[in-house]
């Protein structure tokens, strides 16, 4: 029996589409067995040993020199100078591609496949890639579309916030590899999760105002660390469209997460790179959004304060 190629992907809409696209392409090119499995930031701790004993690819996540195939667009993808130097020596190639200017990962996979593997993208994958740019790059038409959008891609992305089990995204990757966004959004499990997530969203918008710790110099901080509190990514900008950044702490299955984001509808003139800031705390991200997983709630709250203070200083310096 052939050794399967396992595609590791970041557990969000962008990463799921990336895995689905790559799985379909590799299968069509004769790969006898393809699997997929999600990864998250807590799996970086022993990164050198990651994937040992398996054939694997990585999409929308950190560079690993043992990956047979690797595609990413995060500017913080290299976990050490040595890893970056390895990519610069050997990539880009027909195996690896990094493009930090890409809003999301699927478009660069499709571009690479067309250039190196003579692959003609299916219209449904082009549609998924377009929506990946909207969702991962926060290119929504308005905060209302981001919060209340009903397009199939937005329903799927909303449903992810009420996933019934940790590995549920693996099933959706398989569905995306075979069907359209409309078909995936019409699944009963997706609809159930979407309805639950929508109720959570409405509750989150109601609960958010008392969670605000401070609003000063265009930066808002909040504490949503209680498991009794619902969370909405754009709640800060929905309630306070005048701010430039929000920084807060939220709970996750692995502990506590500090999330920092730029207001897509009121960006600052200062060229602040959020992902690079969060990288100094063991996390990462893009220019406009990033996160980190401090070891405790106490430390997470400290990081929120430190990041907010740094943003305020940089905004003040920029005038």
Protein backbone atom coordinates (compact mmCIF):
# COMPACT_ATOMS: atom_id res chain seq x y z
CA UNK A 1 0.00 0.00 0.00
CA UNK A 2 1.28 3.46 -0.91
CA UNK A 3 2.37 5.76 1.90
CA UNK A 4 -0.23 8.56 2.03
CA UNK A 5 0.67 12.22 1.75
CA UNK A 6 -0.76 14.08 4.75
CA UNK A 7 -1.63 17.73 4.13
CA UNK A 8 -1.38 19.76 7.33
CA UNK A 9 -3.42 22.94 7.21
CA UNK A 10 -4.23 25.85 9.51
CA UNK A 11 -7.68 25.40 11.04
CA UNK A 12 -9.56 28.31 9.42
CA UNK A 13 -11.41 28.98 6.16
CA UNK A 14 -8.25 29.99 4.32
CA UNK A 15 -6.36 26.90 5.47
CA UNK A 16 -9.25 24.54 4.78
CA UNK A 17 -9.64 25.76 1.21
CA UNK A 18 -5.87 25.48 0.76
CA UNK A 19 -5.93 21.85 1.88
CA UNK A 20 -8.93 21.03 -0.31
CA UNK A 21 -7.37 22.61 -3.39
CA UNK A 22 -4.01 20.91 -2.90
CA UNK A 23 -5.61 17.54 -2.14
CA UNK A 24 -7.66 17.69 -5.33
CA UNK A 25 -4.69 18.77 -7.46
CA UNK A 26 -2.39 16.08 -6.10
CA UNK A 27 -5.04 13.40 -6.49
CA UNK A 28 -5.64 14.41 -10.11
CA UNK A 29 -1.89 14.28 -10.70
CA UNK A 30 -1.75 10.66 -9.59
CA UNK A 31 -0.99 10.83 -5.86
CA UNK A 32 -2.30 7.41 -4.75
CA UNK A 33 -3.38 8.42 -1.24
CA UNK A 34 -3.97 11.86 0.28
CA UNK A 35 -5.00 12.66 3.85
CA UNK A 36 -5.36 15.96 5.72
CA UNK A 37 -5.16 17.12 9.30
CA UNK A 38 -5.41 20.53 10.94
CA UNK A 39 -2.63 22.18 12.94
CA UNK A 40 -2.47 25.18 15.23
CA UNK A 41 0.14 27.37 16.90
CA UNK A 42 0.55 25.14 19.97
CA UNK A 43 2.09 22.48 17.69
CA UNK A 44 5.15 24.64 16.97
CA UNK A 45 6.84 23.86 20.27
CA UNK A 46 8.80 20.92 18.89
CA UNK A 47 8.76 22.04 15.29
CA UNK A 48 11.97 20.30 14.21
CA UNK A 49 10.42 16.93 15.04
CA UNK A 50 7.05 17.75 13.49
CA UNK A 51 5.76 15.17 11.04
CA UNK A 52 8.50 12.63 11.68
CA UNK A 53 7.78 9.29 10.07
CA UNK A 54 5.22 10.70 7.62
CA UNK A 55 5.13 12.09 4.12
CA UNK A 56 3.58 15.50 4.52
CA UNK A 57 2.72 18.83 2.97
CA UNK A 58 1.94 22.08 4.83
CA UNK A 59 -0.40 24.84 3.67
CA UNK A 60 -1.17 28.19 5.30
CA UNK A 61 1.24 27.46 8.15
CA UNK A 62 4.90 27.67 9.14
CA UNK A 63 7.72 26.59 6.86
CA UNK A 64 9.15 23.15 7.51
CA UNK A 65 12.16 21.90 5.50
CA UNK A 66 10.90 18.31 5.49
CA UNK A 67 7.62 19.21 3.80
CA UNK A 68 7.34 17.69 0.34
CA UNK A 69 5.05 20.58 -0.56
CA UNK A 70 4.67 23.87 1.30
CA UNK A 71 2.68 27.02 0.60
CA UNK A 72 2.17 30.00 2.87
CA UNK A 73 1.56 33.74 2.84
CA UNK A 74 2.26 34.68 6.46
CA UNK A 75 5.19 37.09 6.90
CA UNK A 76 6.00 35.36 10.20
CA UNK A 77 6.20 31.88 8.66
CA UNK A 78 9.89 31.21 9.41
CA UNK A 79 10.46 30.20 13.02
CA UNK A 80 14.21 30.80 12.92
CA UNK A 81 16.81 32.57 10.75
CA UNK A 82 18.15 29.14 9.74
CA UNK A 83 14.77 28.10 8.38
CA UNK A 84 14.46 31.31 6.40
CA UNK A 85 17.96 30.80 5.02
CA UNK A 86 17.03 27.26 4.00
CA UNK A 87 14.04 28.53 2.02
CA UNK A 88 16.10 31.28 0.42
CA UNK A 89 18.66 28.68 -0.71
CA UNK A 90 16.18 26.15 -2.06
CA UNK A 91 12.97 28.03 -2.81
CA UNK A 92 10.81 29.04 -4.43
CA UNK A 93 10.64 25.79 -6.37
CA UNK A 94 8.11 23.35 -7.74
CA UNK A 95 7.72 22.18 -4.11
CA UNK A 96 7.69 25.35 -2.03
CA UNK A 97 6.24 28.82 -2.40
CA UNK A 98 5.96 31.74 0.00
CA UNK A 99 4.30 35.01 -0.97
CA UNK A 100 3.62 37.42 1.86
CA UNK A 101 1.85 39.81 -0.51
CA UNK A 102 -0.97 37.30 -1.08
CA UNK A 103 -4.07 38.04 0.98
CA UNK A 104 -4.66 34.32 1.48
CA UNK A 105 -3.04 31.00 0.63
CA UNK A 106 -5.34 29.38 -2.00
CA UNK A 107 -4.63 31.93 -4.78
CA UNK A 108 -0.90 31.30 -4.61
CA UNK A 109 -1.44 27.51 -4.68
CA UNK A 110 -3.60 27.85 -7.80
CA UNK A 111 -1.05 30.16 -9.41
CA UNK A 112 1.79 27.79 -8.58
CA UNK A 113 -0.13 24.77 -9.89
CA UNK A 114 -0.83 26.52 -13.18
CA UNK A 115 2.82 27.53 -13.61
CA UNK A 116 4.53 24.31 -12.48
CA UNK A 117 1.99 21.51 -12.86
CA UNK A 118 0.00 22.65 -15.92
CA UNK A 119 -3.15 22.75 -13.81
CA UNK A 120 -6.22 24.67 -14.98
CA UNK A 121 -8.20 25.78 -11.91
CA UNK A 122 -11.83 24.74 -11.66
CA UNK A 123 -14.23 27.69 -11.40
CA UNK A 124 -15.36 26.53 -7.95
CA UNK A 125 -11.78 26.69 -6.68
CA UNK A 126 -11.38 30.17 -8.12
CA UNK A 127 -14.53 31.15 -6.23
CA UNK A 128 -13.15 29.66 -3.01
CA UNK A 129 -9.86 31.50 -3.51
CA UNK A 130 -11.68 34.81 -4.03
CA UNK A 131 -13.63 34.35 -0.80
CA UNK A 132 -10.46 33.30 1.01
CA UNK A 133 -9.00 36.69 0.14
CA UNK A 134 -12.13 38.42 1.46
CA UNK A 135 -12.20 36.47 4.72
CA UNK A 136 -8.50 36.15 5.53
CA UNK A 137 -7.64 39.61 4.25
CA UNK A 138 -10.69 41.20 5.93
CA UNK A 139 -11.74 42.67 2.59
CA UNK A 140 -15.41 42.76 3.54
CA UNK A 141 -17.54 45.48 2.00
CA UNK A 142 -18.55 46.66 5.46
CA UNK A 143 -18.58 45.66 9.09
CA UNK A 144 -22.19 44.61 8.57
CA UNK A 145 -21.15 42.13 5.88
CA UNK A 146 -18.42 40.80 8.15
CA UNK A 147 -20.80 40.31 11.06
CA UNK A 148 -24.08 39.43 9.36
CA UNK A 149 -23.02 38.17 5.89
CA UNK A 150 -25.10 35.36 4.39
CA UNK A 151 -23.02 34.26 1.37
CA UNK A 152 -22.14 30.54 1.46
CA UNK A 153 -18.47 31.23 2.23
CA UNK A 154 -19.45 33.53 5.08
CA UNK A 155 -21.90 30.98 6.46
CA UNK A 156 -19.16 28.35 6.46
CA UNK A 157 -16.69 30.70 8.11
CA UNK A 158 -19.30 31.61 10.74
CA UNK A 159 -20.09 27.92 11.32
CA UNK A 160 -16.44 27.25 12.18
CA UNK A 161 -16.96 29.28 15.34
CA UNK A 162 -19.37 26.62 16.64
CA UNK A 163 -17.56 23.49 15.46
CA UNK A 164 -19.15 20.39 17.02
CA UNK A 165 -15.76 18.69 17.50
CA UNK A 166 -12.07 19.63 17.04
CA UNK A 167 -11.53 17.54 13.90
CA UNK A 168 -14.77 18.64 12.22
CA UNK A 169 -12.83 20.81 9.80
CA UNK A 170 -11.27 17.66 8.32
CA UNK A 171 -14.71 16.59 7.11
CA UNK A 172 -15.31 20.02 5.57
CA UNK A 173 -11.97 19.92 3.75
CA UNK A 174 -13.13 16.70 2.13
CA UNK A 175 -16.43 18.31 1.18
CA UNK A 176 -14.64 21.33 -0.31
CA UNK A 177 -12.37 19.08 -2.35
CA UNK A 178 -15.42 17.53 -3.99
CA UNK A 179 -18.11 20.22 -4.07
CA UNK A 180 -18.95 23.92 -4.30
CA UNK A 181 -19.25 26.40 -1.47
CA UNK A 182 -23.01 26.30 -1.92
CA UNK A 183 -23.00 22.53 -1.46
CA UNK A 184 -20.77 22.68 1.61
CA UNK A 185 -22.87 25.45 3.18
CA UNK A 186 -26.01 23.37 2.58
CA UNK A 187 -24.74 20.46 4.68
CA UNK A 188 -26.91 19.81 7.70
CA UNK A 189 -23.97 19.94 10.12
CA UNK A 190 -22.81 23.27 8.66
CA UNK A 191 -26.30 24.76 8.90
CA UNK A 192 -26.66 23.59 12.50
CA UNK A 193 -23.28 25.08 13.42
CA UNK A 194 -24.08 28.29 11.54
CA UNK A 195 -27.35 28.80 13.41
CA UNK A 196 -25.64 28.17 16.73
CA UNK A 197 -22.77 30.51 15.84
CA UNK A 198 -25.24 33.20 14.75
CA UNK A 199 -27.00 33.03 18.10
CA UNK A 200 -23.60 33.24 19.77
CA UNK A 201 -22.76 36.26 17.60
CA UNK A 202 -25.90 38.09 18.66
CA UNK A 203 -25.15 37.34 22.29
CA UNK A 204 -21.53 38.40 21.84
CA UNK A 205 -22.54 41.78 20.47
CA UNK A 206 -24.77 42.28 23.50
CA UNK A 207 -22.08 41.20 25.94
CA UNK A 208 -19.16 43.11 24.46
CA UNK A 209 -19.54 46.67 25.87
CA UNK A 210 -18.87 45.72 29.53
CA UNK A 211 -15.78 43.75 28.50
CA UNK A 212 -13.95 46.85 27.30
CA UNK A 213 -11.05 47.70 29.56
CA UNK A 214 -9.84 50.91 27.94
CA UNK A 215 -10.20 53.06 24.86
CA UNK A 216 -7.39 55.53 24.30
CA UNK A 217 -5.48 56.93 21.34
CA UNK A 218 -7.32 54.73 18.87
CA UNK A 219 -6.67 51.44 20.71
CA UNK A 220 -9.32 49.41 22.54
CA UNK A 221 -8.58 46.60 25.00
CA UNK A 222 -11.02 43.96 26.21
CA UNK A 223 -11.13 40.85 28.37
CA UNK A 224 -13.33 38.03 27.10
CA UNK A 225 -11.48 35.30 29.00
CA UNK A 226 -14.57 33.84 30.68
CA UNK A 227 -16.05 30.75 29.05
CA UNK A 228 -19.46 32.25 29.78
CA UNK A 229 -18.80 35.08 27.33
CA UNK A 230 -19.52 34.73 23.63
CA UNK A 231 -17.01 36.19 21.22
CA UNK A 232 -17.30 38.05 17.93
CA UNK A 233 -14.15 38.94 15.98
CA UNK A 234 -15.42 42.32 14.80
CA UNK A 235 -17.46 43.32 17.86
CA UNK A 236 -15.00 46.05 18.82
CA UNK A 237 -15.25 47.70 15.40
CA UNK A 238 -19.02 47.20 15.25
CA UNK A 239 -19.49 49.08 18.54
CA UNK A 240 -16.56 51.50 18.17
CA UNK A 241 -15.96 52.25 14.49
CA UNK A 242 -13.68 55.15 15.46
CA UNK A 243 -10.86 52.96 16.83
CA UNK A 244 -7.83 51.76 14.86
CA UNK A 245 -6.97 48.60 16.85
CA UNK A 246 -8.48 46.17 19.31
CA UNK A 247 -6.44 43.93 21.62
CA UNK A 248 -8.00 41.33 23.87
CA UNK A 249 -7.79 37.94 25.53
CA UNK A 250 -10.09 35.02 24.72
CA UNK A 251 -10.15 31.39 25.91
CA UNK A 252 -9.26 28.46 23.66
CA UNK A 253 -9.18 24.70 24.12
CA UNK A 254 -5.42 24.97 24.74
CA UNK A 255 -5.49 27.92 27.18
CA UNK A 256 -5.78 31.63 26.47
CA UNK A 257 -5.20 33.55 23.27
CA UNK A 258 -4.31 37.20 22.80
CA UNK A 259 -5.88 38.58 19.63
CA UNK A 260 -4.88 41.87 18.04
CA UNK A 261 -6.50 43.35 14.96
CA UNK A 262 -6.53 46.48 12.87
CA UNK A 263 -9.88 48.05 12.01
CA UNK A 264 -10.33 47.26 8.28
CA UNK A 265 -12.79 50.15 7.93
CA UNK A 266 -10.67 52.72 9.79
CA UNK A 267 -7.01 51.75 9.28
CA UNK A 268 -4.31 53.99 10.72
CA UNK A 269 -1.80 55.85 8.60
CA UNK A 270 1.05 54.34 10.65
CA UNK A 271 2.67 51.29 9.06
CA UNK A 272 2.39 49.01 12.08
CA UNK A 273 2.87 45.27 11.50
CA UNK A 274 0.66 43.43 13.98
CA UNK A 275 2.00 39.99 13.08
CA UNK A 276 5.56 41.01 13.86
CA UNK A 277 4.49 42.41 17.22
CA UNK A 278 2.72 39.18 18.12
CA UNK A 279 5.70 37.15 16.94
CA UNK A 280 7.73 38.62 19.81
CA UNK A 281 5.22 36.92 22.13
CA UNK A 282 5.54 33.54 20.45
CA UNK A 283 2.71 34.04 17.98
CA UNK A 284 2.46 35.60 14.56
CA UNK A 285 0.07 36.80 11.89
CA UNK A 286 -0.26 39.36 9.14
CA UNK A 287 0.24 43.10 8.96
CA UNK A 288 -3.31 43.78 10.11
CA UNK A 289 -4.05 40.88 12.45
CA UNK A 290 -2.16 38.52 14.72
CA UNK A 291 -2.26 36.50 17.88
CA UNK A 292 -0.28 34.63 20.51
CA UNK A 293 -0.91 32.00 23.18
CA UNK A 294 0.72 33.07 26.46
CA UNK A 295 1.19 30.35 29.12
CA UNK A 296 -1.41 31.66 31.57
CA UNK A 297 -4.37 34.01 31.87
CA UNK A 298 -2.32 36.37 34.01
CA UNK A 299 0.39 36.57 31.37
CA UNK A 300 -2.20 36.94 28.60
CA UNK A 301 -3.66 39.97 30.34
CA UNK A 302 -0.18 41.43 30.72
CA UNK A 303 0.47 40.91 27.01
CA UNK A 304 -2.77 42.71 26.13
CA UNK A 305 -1.61 45.72 28.13
CA UNK A 306 1.89 45.66 26.66
CA UNK A 307 0.70 45.36 23.07
CA UNK A 308 -1.89 48.11 23.53
CA UNK A 309 0.74 50.41 25.02
CA UNK A 310 3.12 49.72 22.13
CA UNK A 311 0.39 50.40 19.55
CA UNK A 312 -0.51 53.67 21.25
CA UNK A 313 3.11 54.79 21.30
CA UNK A 314 3.56 53.98 17.63
CA UNK A 315 0.33 55.72 16.67
CA UNK A 316 1.32 58.81 18.65
CA UNK A 317 4.78 58.81 17.04
CA UNK A 318 3.22 58.63 13.61
CA UNK A 319 1.09 61.66 14.42
